[in-house]
């Protein structure tokens, strides 16, 4: 049986996130040495695209997952605080 998280426990989980980045990673094309990757994100009102070497893809993917996890935890935190306020 899972217990309901507290605002403090959610903030502690947020503090554990070590890497964050926005956007998505996609394969631009396949080459003789493997895939070429592209990272797209929205910065300062513009869509920004950059090449990512294949050896950096796992770290970038972890950072993107960290950003999504941060958003999920913040949504839960906000909802707990709204419920508490009401």
Protein backbone atom coordinates (compact mmCIF):
# COMPACT_ATOMS: atom_id res chain seq x y z
CA UNK A 1 0.00 0.00 0.00
CA UNK A 2 1.55 3.27 -1.15
CA UNK A 3 1.33 6.28 1.11
CA UNK A 4 0.39 9.71 -0.18
CA UNK A 5 3.48 11.86 -0.76
CA UNK A 6 3.99 14.98 1.29
CA UNK A 7 5.10 18.33 -0.14
CA UNK A 8 8.44 17.85 1.61
CA UNK A 9 8.97 14.38 0.13
CA UNK A 10 8.24 15.70 -3.35
CA UNK A 11 10.73 18.54 -2.88
CA UNK A 12 13.32 16.00 -1.72
CA UNK A 13 12.73 13.94 -4.87
CA UNK A 14 13.11 17.07 -6.99
CA UNK A 15 16.40 17.86 -5.28
CA UNK A 16 17.70 14.41 -6.29
CA UNK A 17 17.45 15.25 -10.01
CA UNK A 18 21.01 16.00 -11.11
CA UNK A 19 20.53 16.68 -14.84
CA UNK A 20 17.85 18.47 -16.82
CA UNK A 21 17.44 19.55 -20.40
CA UNK A 22 14.43 20.32 -22.55
CA UNK A 23 13.60 18.95 -25.95
CA UNK A 24 13.73 15.74 -27.92
CA UNK A 25 16.42 13.66 -29.55
CA UNK A 26 15.86 12.25 -33.00
CA UNK A 27 17.92 10.36 -35.54
CA UNK A 28 18.85 12.65 -38.43
CA UNK A 29 20.18 9.85 -40.62
CA UNK A 30 22.16 6.64 -40.58
CA UNK A 31 25.80 6.77 -41.58
CA UNK A 32 28.52 4.18 -42.02
CA UNK A 33 29.46 4.51 -38.33
CA UNK A 34 25.92 4.57 -37.00
CA UNK A 35 23.23 7.14 -36.40
CA UNK A 36 23.58 10.92 -36.46
CA UNK A 37 21.47 12.58 -33.78
CA UNK A 38 19.68 15.90 -33.54
CA UNK A 39 18.52 17.64 -30.34
CA UNK A 40 15.62 20.07 -30.72
CA UNK A 41 14.30 22.38 -28.03
CA UNK A 42 12.53 25.67 -27.62
CA UNK A 43 14.72 28.50 -26.27
CA UNK A 44 13.80 32.18 -25.99
CA UNK A 45 10.76 31.74 -28.22
CA UNK A 46 12.63 29.94 -30.98
CA UNK A 47 13.09 26.33 -32.02
CA UNK A 48 16.77 25.46 -31.65
CA UNK A 49 18.35 22.43 -33.26
CA UNK A 50 21.84 21.07 -32.70
CA UNK A 51 23.88 18.04 -33.65
CA UNK A 52 24.65 15.62 -30.81
CA UNK A 53 27.51 13.12 -31.06
CA UNK A 54 26.33 9.56 -30.46
CA UNK A 55 28.48 9.20 -27.33
CA UNK A 56 26.60 12.13 -25.71
CA UNK A 57 23.11 10.80 -26.46
CA UNK A 58 22.71 8.67 -23.28
CA UNK A 59 23.61 11.60 -21.01
CA UNK A 60 21.32 13.96 -22.92
CA UNK A 61 18.47 11.43 -22.80
CA UNK A 62 18.94 11.15 -19.03
CA UNK A 63 18.79 14.95 -18.75
CA UNK A 64 15.58 15.10 -20.80
CA UNK A 65 14.04 12.39 -18.61
CA UNK A 66 15.11 14.41 -15.55
CA UNK A 67 13.29 17.45 -16.93
CA UNK A 68 10.11 15.42 -17.48
CA UNK A 69 10.37 13.92 -13.99
CA UNK A 70 10.79 17.42 -12.55
CA UNK A 71 7.59 18.53 -14.30
CA UNK A 72 5.64 15.54 -13.01
CA UNK A 73 6.81 16.07 -9.45
CA UNK A 74 6.06 19.80 -9.59
CA UNK A 75 2.52 19.10 -10.83
CA UNK A 76 1.97 16.74 -7.90
CA UNK A 77 3.46 19.30 -5.49
CA UNK A 78 1.20 22.06 -6.80
CA UNK A 79 -1.86 19.82 -6.53
CA UNK A 80 -1.01 18.88 -2.94
CA UNK A 81 -0.60 22.55 -2.02
CA UNK A 82 -3.88 23.49 -3.74
CA UNK A 83 -5.69 20.69 -1.90
CA UNK A 84 -4.13 21.81 1.37
CA UNK A 85 -5.13 25.43 0.74
CA UNK A 86 -8.74 24.55 -0.05
